[in-house]
Amino acid sequence: AGELEKLAYEAAVRSLDKQEGLLEEMRSRTGVLLAASS
């Protein structure tokens, strides 16, 4: 009992972590973009 719920929770955590990582990467690359433009 509870394996499906725990699996769904862990998948949701991974998705949110990946989304946060994507945002951090985009902001890092944006710093490079801003520097290159300047």
All heavy atoms as atom14 arrays in JSON, in Angstrom:
{
  "sequence": "AGELEKLAYEAAVRSLDKQEGLLEEMRSRTGVLLAASS",
  "atom14_mask": [
    [1, 1, 1, 1, 1, 0, 0, 0, 0, 0, 0, 0, 0, 0],
    [1, 1, 1, 1, 0, 0, 0, 0, 0, 0, 0, 0, 0, 0],
    [1, 1, 1, 1, 1, 1, 1, 1, 1, 0, 0, 0, 0, 0],
    [1, 1, 1, 1, 1, 1, 1, 1, 0, 0, 0, 0, 0, 0],
    [1, 1, 1, 1, 1, 1, 1, 1, 1, 0, 0, 0, 0, 0],
    [1, 1, 1, 1, 1, 1, 1, 1, 1, 0, 0, 0, 0, 0],
    [1, 1, 1, 1, 1, 1, 1, 1, 0, 0, 0, 0, 0, 0],
    [1, 1, 1, 1, 1, 0, 0, 0, 0, 0, 0, 0, 0, 0],
    [1, 1, 1, 1, 1, 1, 1, 1, 1, 1, 1, 1, 0, 0],
    [1, 1, 1, 1, 1, 1, 1, 1, 1, 0, 0, 0, 0, 0],
    [1, 1, 1, 1, 1, 0, 0, 0, 0, 0, 0, 0, 0, 0],
    [1, 1, 1, 1, 1, 0, 0, 0, 0, 0, 0, 0, 0, 0],
    [1, 1, 1, 1, 1, 1, 1, 0, 0, 0, 0, 0, 0, 0],
    [1, 1, 1, 1, 1, 1, 1, 1, 1, 1, 1, 0, 0, 0],
    [1, 1, 1, 1, 1, 1, 0, 0, 0, 0, 0, 0, 0, 0],
    [1, 1, 1, 1, 1, 1, 1, 1, 0, 0, 0, 0, 0, 0],
    [1, 1, 1, 1, 1, 1, 1, 1, 0, 0, 0, 0, 0, 0],
    [1, 1, 1, 1, 1, 1, 1, 1, 1, 0, 0, 0, 0, 0],
    [1, 1, 1, 1, 1, 1, 1, 1, 1, 0, 0, 0, 0, 0],
    [1, 1, 1, 1, 1, 1, 1, 1, 1, 0, 0, 0, 0, 0],
    [1, 1, 1, 1, 0, 0, 0, 0, 0, 0, 0, 0, 0, 0],
    [1, 1, 1, 1, 1, 1, 1, 1, 0, 0, 0, 0, 0, 0],
    [1, 1, 1, 1, 1, 1, 1, 1, 0, 0, 0, 0, 0, 0],
    [1, 1, 1, 1, 1, 1, 1, 1, 1, 0, 0, 0, 0, 0],
    [1, 1, 1, 1, 1, 1, 1, 1, 1, 0, 0, 0, 0, 0],
    [1, 1, 1, 1, 1, 1, 1, 1, 0, 0, 0, 0, 0, 0],
    [1, 1, 1, 1, 1, 1, 1, 1, 1, 1, 1, 0, 0, 0],
    [1, 1, 1, 1, 1, 1, 0, 0, 0, 0, 0, 0, 0, 0],
    [1, 1, 1, 1, 1, 1, 1, 1, 1, 1, 1, 0, 0, 0],
    [1, 1, 1, 1, 1, 1, 1, 0, 0, 0, 0, 0, 0, 0],
    [1, 1, 1, 1, 0, 0, 0, 0, 0, 0, 0, 0, 0, 0],
    [1, 1, 1, 1, 1, 1, 1, 0, 0, 0, 0, 0, 0, 0],
    [1, 1, 1, 1, 1, 1, 1, 1, 0, 0, 0, 0, 0, 0],
    [1, 1, 1, 1, 1, 1, 1, 1, 0, 0, 0, 0, 0, 0],
    [1, 1, 1, 1, 1, 0, 0, 0, 0, 0, 0, 0, 0, 0],
    [1, 1, 1, 1, 1, 0, 0, 0, 0, 0, 0, 0, 0, 0],
    [1, 1, 1, 1, 1, 1, 0, 0, 0, 0, 0, 0, 0, 0],
    [1, 1, 1, 1, 1, 1, 0, 0, 0, 0, 0, 0, 0, 0]
  ],
  "atom14_positions": [
    [[0.84, -1.2, 0.0], [0.0, 0.0, 0.0], [0.87, 1.24, 0.0], [1.92, 1.3, 0.63], [-0.91, -0.01, 1.23], [0.0, 0.0, 0.0], [0.0, 0.0, 0.0], [0.0, 0.0, 0.0], [0.0, 0.0, 0.0], [0.0, 0.0, 0.0], [0.0, 0.0, 0.0], [0.0, 0.0, 0.0], [0.0, 0.0, 0.0], [0.0, 0.0, 0.0]],
    [[0.46, 2.23, -0.74], [1.14, 3.51, -0.71], [2.27, 3.68, -1.72], [2.83, 4.76, -1.83], [0.0, 0.0, 0.0], [0.0, 0.0, 0.0], [0.0, 0.0, 0.0], [0.0, 0.0, 0.0], [0.0, 0.0, 0.0], [0.0, 0.0, 0.0], [0.0, 0.0, 0.0], [0.0, 0.0, 0.0], [0.0, 0.0, 0.0], [0.0, 0.0, 0.0]],
    [[2.63, 2.64, -2.44], [3.74, 2.75, -3.39], [3.41, 3.7, -4.53], [4.26, 4.47, -4.96], [4.11, 1.37, -3.92], [4.8, 0.48, -2.91], [6.11, 1.06, -2.4], [6.93, 1.53, -3.21], [6.31, 1.05, -1.17], [0.0, 0.0, 0.0], [0.0, 0.0, 0.0], [0.0, 0.0, 0.0], [0.0, 0.0, 0.0], [0.0, 0.0, 0.0]],
    [[2.19, 3.63, -5.03], [1.79, 4.5, -6.13], [1.82, 5.96, -5.71], [2.33, 6.82, -6.44], [0.38, 4.12, -6.62], [-0.18, 4.96, -7.76], [0.71, 4.83, -8.99], [-1.6, 4.53, -8.08], [0.0, 0.0, 0.0], [0.0, 0.0, 0.0], [0.0, 0.0, 0.0], [0.0, 0.0, 0.0], [0.0, 0.0, 0.0], [0.0, 0.0, 0.0]],
    [[1.32, 6.25, -4.53], [1.3, 7.62, -4.03], [2.72, 8.16, -3.83], [3.03, 9.29, -4.18], [0.51, 7.71, -2.71], [-0.98, 7.49, -2.86], [-1.38, 6.02, -2.9], [-0.5, 5.12, -2.83], [-2.6, 5.77, -3.01], [0.0, 0.0, 0.0], [0.0, 0.0, 0.0], [0.0, 0.0, 0.0], [0.0, 0.0, 0.0], [0.0, 0.0, 0.0]],
    [[3.58, 7.32, -3.28], [4.96, 7.73, -3.05], [5.69, 7.93, -4.38], [6.45, 8.89, -4.54], [5.69, 6.68, -2.21], [7.03, 7.15, -1.72], [7.62, 6.19, -0.71], [8.93, 6.74, -0.2], [9.54, 5.87, 0.81], [0.0, 0.0, 0.0], [0.0, 0.0, 0.0], [0.0, 0.0, 0.0], [0.0, 0.0, 0.0], [0.0, 0.0, 0.0]],
    [[5.43, 7.06, -5.35], [6.02, 7.19, -6.67], [5.57, 8.49, -7.34], [6.38, 9.22, -7.93], [5.64, 5.98, -7.53], [6.22, 5.93, -8.92], [7.74, 5.79, -8.87], [5.59, 4.77, -9.69], [0.0, 0.0, 0.0], [0.0, 0.0, 0.0], [0.0, 0.0, 0.0], [0.0, 0.0, 0.0], [0.0, 0.0, 0.0], [0.0, 0.0, 0.0]],
    [[4.28, 8.81, -7.23], [3.74, 10.05, -7.81], [4.38, 11.26, -7.14], [4.74, 12.25, -7.81], [2.23, 10.09, -7.66], [0.0, 0.0, 0.0], [0.0, 0.0, 0.0], [0.0, 0.0, 0.0], [0.0, 0.0, 0.0], [0.0, 0.0, 0.0], [0.0, 0.0, 0.0], [0.0, 0.0, 0.0], [0.0, 0.0, 0.0], [0.0, 0.0, 0.0]],
    [[4.54, 11.22, -5.83], [5.17, 12.32, -5.1], [6.62, 12.51, -5.55], [7.06, 13.62, -5.83], [5.11, 12.05, -3.59], [6.06, 12.9, -2.8], [5.83, 14.25, -2.61], [7.23, 12.35, -2.26], [6.72, 15.05, -1.9], [8.11, 13.13, -1.56], [7.86, 14.47, -1.37], [8.75, 15.25, -0.68], [0.0, 0.0, 0.0], [0.0, 0.0, 0.0]],
    [[7.37, 11.42, -5.64], [8.77, 11.52, -6.05], [8.91, 12.04, -7.48], [9.82, 12.82, -7.77], [9.46, 10.16, -5.89], [9.64, 9.76, -4.44], [10.09, 8.32, -4.23], [10.15, 7.55, -5.23], [10.37, 7.96, -3.07], [0.0, 0.0, 0.0], [0.0, 0.0, 0.0], [0.0, 0.0, 0.0], [0.0, 0.0, 0.0], [0.0, 0.0, 0.0]],
    [[7.99, 11.64, -8.35], [8.01, 12.15, -9.72], [7.72, 13.65, -9.73], [8.35, 14.41, -10.49], [6.99, 11.41, -10.57], [0.0, 0.0, 0.0], [0.0, 0.0, 0.0], [0.0, 0.0, 0.0], [0.0, 0.0, 0.0], [0.0, 0.0, 0.0], [0.0, 0.0, 0.0], [0.0, 0.0, 0.0], [0.0, 0.0, 0.0], [0.0, 0.0, 0.0]],
    [[6.78, 14.09, -8.91], [6.46, 15.52, -8.83], [7.64, 16.33, -8.3], [7.93, 17.42, -8.8], [5.23, 15.74, -7.95], [0.0, 0.0, 0.0], [0.0, 0.0, 0.0], [0.0, 0.0, 0.0], [0.0, 0.0, 0.0], [0.0, 0.0, 0.0], [0.0, 0.0, 0.0], [0.0, 0.0, 0.0], [0.0, 0.0, 0.0], [0.0, 0.0, 0.0]],
    [[8.35, 15.78, -7.33], [9.53, 16.46, -6.78], [10.61, 16.56, -7.86], [11.21, 17.63, -8.05], [10.08, 15.7, -5.55], [11.46, 16.21, -5.16], [9.13, 15.85, -4.38], [0.0, 0.0, 0.0], [0.0, 0.0, 0.0], [0.0, 0.0, 0.0], [0.0, 0.0, 0.0], [0.0, 0.0, 0.0], [0.0, 0.0, 0.0], [0.0, 0.0, 0.0]],
    [[10.85, 15.48, -8.59], [11.86, 15.51, -9.66], [11.49, 16.52, -10.75], [12.35, 17.25, -11.24], [12.05, 14.12, -10.27], [12.95, 13.21, -9.46], [13.35, 11.96, -10.22], [12.24, 11.2, -10.76], [11.5, 10.32, -10.08], [11.78, 10.09, -8.81], [10.52, 9.67, -10.66], [0.0, 0.0, 0.0], [0.0, 0.0, 0.0], [0.0, 0.0, 0.0]],
    [[10.24, 16.57, -11.12], [9.79, 17.52, -12.15], [10.03, 18.96, -11.7], [10.5, 19.79, -12.48], [8.31, 17.33, -12.45], [8.07, 16.1, -13.05], [0.0, 0.0, 0.0], [0.0, 0.0, 0.0], [0.0, 0.0, 0.0], [0.0, 0.0, 0.0], [0.0, 0.0, 0.0], [0.0, 0.0, 0.0], [0.0, 0.0, 0.0], [0.0, 0.0, 0.0]],
    [[9.69, 19.24, -10.47], [9.88, 20.59, -9.94], [11.37, 20.93, -9.83], [11.78, 22.06, -10.13], [9.18, 20.71, -8.58], [8.67, 22.07, -8.17], [7.79, 22.69, -9.23], [7.91, 21.98, -6.85], [0.0, 0.0, 0.0], [0.0, 0.0, 0.0], [0.0, 0.0, 0.0], [0.0, 0.0, 0.0], [0.0, 0.0, 0.0], [0.0, 0.0, 0.0]],
    [[12.18, 19.96, -9.42], [13.63, 20.17, -9.35], [14.22, 20.45, -10.74], [15.06, 21.33, -10.9], [14.34, 18.97, -8.73], [14.16, 18.88, -7.23], [13.74, 19.88, -6.61], [14.43, 17.79, -6.66], [0.0, 0.0, 0.0], [0.0, 0.0, 0.0], [0.0, 0.0, 0.0], [0.0, 0.0, 0.0], [0.0, 0.0, 0.0], [0.0, 0.0, 0.0]],
    [[13.76, 19.7, -11.73], [14.25, 19.91, -13.1], [13.83, 21.29, -13.61], [14.61, 21.97, -14.28], [13.73, 18.83, -14.04], [14.43, 17.52, -13.88], [13.93, 16.5, -14.89], [14.7, 15.21, -14.76], [14.33, 14.24, -15.79], [0.0, 0.0, 0.0], [0.0, 0.0, 0.0], [0.0, 0.0, 0.0], [0.0, 0.0, 0.0], [0.0, 0.0, 0.0]],
    [[12.63, 21.7, -13.27], [12.15, 23.01, -13.69], [12.99, 24.12, -13.05], [13.36, 25.09, -13.72], [10.67, 23.17, -13.3], [10.0, 24.36, -13.91], [8.55, 24.45, -13.48], [8.26, 24.44, -12.29], [7.65, 24.53, -14.45], [0.0, 0.0, 0.0], [0.0, 0.0, 0.0], [0.0, 0.0, 0.0], [0.0, 0.0, 0.0], [0.0, 0.0, 0.0]],
    [[13.31, 23.96, -11.8], [14.15, 24.95, -11.11], [15.55, 24.98, -11.73], [16.14, 26.04, -11.93], [14.24, 24.64, -9.62], [14.96, 25.69, -8.82], [14.95, 25.42, -7.33], [14.76, 24.25, -6.92], [15.12, 26.39, -6.57], [0.0, 0.0, 0.0], [0.0, 0.0, 0.0], [0.0, 0.0, 0.0], [0.0, 0.0, 0.0], [0.0, 0.0, 0.0]],
    [[16.08, 23.81, -12.06], [17.4, 23.74, -12.71], [17.38, 24.41, -14.07], [18.33, 25.11, -14.43], [0.0, 0.0, 0.0], [0.0, 0.0, 0.0], [0.0, 0.0, 0.0], [0.0, 0.0, 0.0], [0.0, 0.0, 0.0], [0.0, 0.0, 0.0], [0.0, 0.0, 0.0], [0.0, 0.0, 0.0], [0.0, 0.0, 0.0], [0.0, 0.0, 0.0]],
    [[16.3, 24.23, -14.82], [16.16, 24.88, -16.12], [16.17, 26.39, -15.96], [16.83, 27.1, -16.72], [14.86, 24.43, -16.79], [14.48, 25.14, -18.07], [15.45, 24.76, -19.2], [13.05, 24.8, -18.47], [0.0, 0.0, 0.0], [0.0, 0.0, 0.0], [0.0, 0.0, 0.0], [0.0, 0.0, 0.0], [0.0, 0.0, 0.0], [0.0, 0.0, 0.0]],
    [[15.47, 26.88, -14.97], [15.43, 28.32, -14.71], [16.82, 28.85, -14.35], [17.26, 29.88, -14.87], [14.44, 28.65, -13.6], [14.35, 30.1, -13.19], [13.82, 30.96, -14.34], [13.48, 30.26, -11.96], [0.0, 0.0, 0.0], [0.0, 0.0, 0.0], [0.0, 0.0, 0.0], [0.0, 0.0, 0.0], [0.0, 0.0, 0.0], [0.0, 0.0, 0.0]],
    [[17.52, 28.15, -13.49], [18.87, 28.57, -13.1], [19.81, 28.58, -14.31], [20.61, 29.51, -14.48], [19.42, 27.65, -12.01], [18.74, 27.83, -10.67], [19.15, 26.79, -9.65], [20.07, 25.98, -9.93], [18.56, 26.76, -8.56], [0.0, 0.0, 0.0], [0.0, 0.0, 0.0], [0.0, 0.0, 0.0], [0.0, 0.0, 0.0], [0.0, 0.0, 0.0]],
    [[19.71, 27.56, -15.14], [20.56, 27.49, -16.33], [20.23, 28.62, -17.31], [21.13, 29.25, -17.87], [20.37, 26.14, -17.03], [21.24, 25.96, -18.24], [21.02, 24.63, -18.93], [20.51, 23.69, -18.29], [21.36, 24.54, -20.12], [0.0, 0.0, 0.0], [0.0, 0.0, 0.0], [0.0, 0.0, 0.0], [0.0, 0.0, 0.0], [0.0, 0.0, 0.0]],
    [[18.95, 28.9, -17.48], [18.55, 29.97, -18.39], [19.07, 31.32, -17.88], [19.57, 32.13, -18.65], [17.02, 30.03, -18.52], [16.55, 31.02, -19.55], [14.75, 31.29, -19.66], [14.03, 29.76, -19.15], [0.0, 0.0, 0.0], [0.0, 0.0, 0.0], [0.0, 0.0, 0.0], [0.0, 0.0, 0.0], [0.0, 0.0, 0.0], [0.0, 0.0, 0.0]],
    [[19.01, 31.53, -16.59], [19.49, 32.79, -16.03], [21.01, 32.89, -16.13], [21.54, 33.97, -16.38], [19.01, 32.95, -14.59], [17.54, 33.32, -14.55], [17.06, 33.64, -13.18], [15.76, 34.3, -13.25], [14.91, 34.34, -12.25], [15.22, 33.78, -11.08], [13.77, 34.96, -12.38], [0.0, 0.0, 0.0], [0.0, 0.0, 0.0], [0.0, 0.0, 0.0]],
    [[21.71, 31.78, -15.98], [23.16, 31.8, -16.15], [23.53, 32.14, -17.58], [24.41, 32.96, -17.84], [23.77, 30.44, -15.79], [23.63, 30.18, -14.43], [0.0, 0.0, 0.0], [0.0, 0.0, 0.0], [0.0, 0.0, 0.0], [0.0, 0.0, 0.0], [0.0, 0.0, 0.0], [0.0, 0.0, 0.0], [0.0, 0.0, 0.0], [0.0, 0.0, 0.0]],
    [[22.85, 31.51, -18.52], [23.12, 31.78, -19.93], [22.73, 33.22, -20.3], [23.34, 33.82, -21.18], [22.37, 30.79, -20.81], [22.93, 29.41, -20.73], [22.19, 28.47, -21.62], [22.74, 27.13, -21.52], [22.57, 26.19, -22.41], [21.84, 26.44, -23.49], [23.1, 25.01, -22.25], [0.0, 0.0, 0.0], [0.0, 0.0, 0.0], [0.0, 0.0, 0.0]],
    [[21.73, 33.73, -19.64], [21.32, 35.11, -19.91], [22.41, 36.08, -19.48], [22.63, 37.1, -20.14], [19.99, 35.42, -19.19], [19.0, 34.54, -19.7], [19.56, 36.85, -19.42], [0.0, 0.0, 0.0], [0.0, 0.0, 0.0], [0.0, 0.0, 0.0], [0.0, 0.0, 0.0], [0.0, 0.0, 0.0], [0.0, 0.0, 0.0], [0.0, 0.0, 0.0]],
    [[23.1, 35.78, -18.39], [24.22, 36.62, -17.99], [25.29, 36.66, -19.06], [25.86, 37.72, -19.36], [0.0, 0.0, 0.0], [0.0, 0.0, 0.0], [0.0, 0.0, 0.0], [0.0, 0.0, 0.0], [0.0, 0.0, 0.0], [0.0, 0.0, 0.0], [0.0, 0.0, 0.0], [0.0, 0.0, 0.0], [0.0, 0.0, 0.0], [0.0, 0.0, 0.0]],
    [[25.56, 35.52, -19.68], [26.53, 35.45, -20.77], [26.02, 36.23, -21.97], [26.77, 36.97, -22.62], [26.83, 33.98, -21.15], [27.69, 33.9, -22.38], [27.48, 33.25, -19.98], [0.0, 0.0, 0.0], [0.0, 0.0, 0.0], [0.0, 0.0, 0.0], [0.0, 0.0, 0.0], [0.0, 0.0, 0.0], [0.0, 0.0, 0.0], [0.0, 0.0, 0.0]],
    [[24.74, 36.1, -22.27], [24.13, 36.83, -23.38], [24.24, 38.33, -23.18], [24.62, 39.07, -24.09], [22.65, 36.42, -23.51], [21.82, 37.12, -24.56], [22.26, 36.68, -25.96], [20.35, 36.79, -24.35], [0.0, 0.0, 0.0], [0.0, 0.0, 0.0], [0.0, 0.0, 0.0], [0.0, 0.0, 0.0], [0.0, 0.0, 0.0], [0.0, 0.0, 0.0]],
    [[23.96, 38.78, -21.98], [24.05, 40.21, -21.66], [25.48, 40.71, -21.78], [25.74, 41.78, -22.35], [23.51, 40.46, -20.24], [23.4, 41.88, -19.76], [22.51, 42.71, -20.68], [22.83, 41.9, -18.34], [0.0, 0.0, 0.0], [0.0, 0.0, 0.0], [0.0, 0.0, 0.0], [0.0, 0.0, 0.0], [0.0, 0.0, 0.0], [0.0, 0.0, 0.0]],
    [[26.42, 39.92, -21.29], [27.84, 40.31, -21.39], [28.29, 40.35, -22.84], [28.98, 41.3, -23.26], [28.7, 39.32, -20.6], [0.0, 0.0, 0.0], [0.0, 0.0, 0.0], [0.0, 0.0, 0.0], [0.0, 0.0, 0.0], [0.0, 0.0, 0.0], [0.0, 0.0, 0.0], [0.0, 0.0, 0.0], [0.0, 0.0, 0.0], [0.0, 0.0, 0.0]],
    [[27.88, 39.37, -23.64], [28.27, 39.34, -25.04], [27.69, 40.53, -25.8], [28.38, 41.16, -26.62], [27.81, 38.04, -25.7], [0.0, 0.0, 0.0], [0.0, 0.0, 0.0], [0.0, 0.0, 0.0], [0.0, 0.0, 0.0], [0.0, 0.0, 0.0], [0.0, 0.0, 0.0], [0.0, 0.0, 0.0], [0.0, 0.0, 0.0], [0.0, 0.0, 0.0]],
    [[26.46, 40.86, -25.52], [25.83, 42.0, -26.19], [26.53, 43.3, -25.82], [26.78, 44.15, -26.68], [24.34, 42.06, -25.8], [23.68, 43.04, -26.53], [0.0, 0.0, 0.0], [0.0, 0.0, 0.0], [0.0, 0.0, 0.0], [0.0, 0.0, 0.0], [0.0, 0.0, 0.0], [0.0, 0.0, 0.0], [0.0, 0.0, 0.0], [0.0, 0.0, 0.0]],
    [[26.87, 43.43, -24.56], [27.57, 44.64, -24.1], [28.97, 44.74, -24.68], [29.41, 45.82, -25.09], [27.63, 44.66, -22.57], [26.33, 44.69, -22.03], [0.0, 0.0, 0.0], [0.0, 0.0, 0.0], [0.0, 0.0, 0.0], [0.0, 0.0, 0.0], [0.0, 0.0, 0.0], [0.0, 0.0, 0.0], [0.0, 0.0, 0.0], [0.0, 0.0, 0.0]]
  ]
}
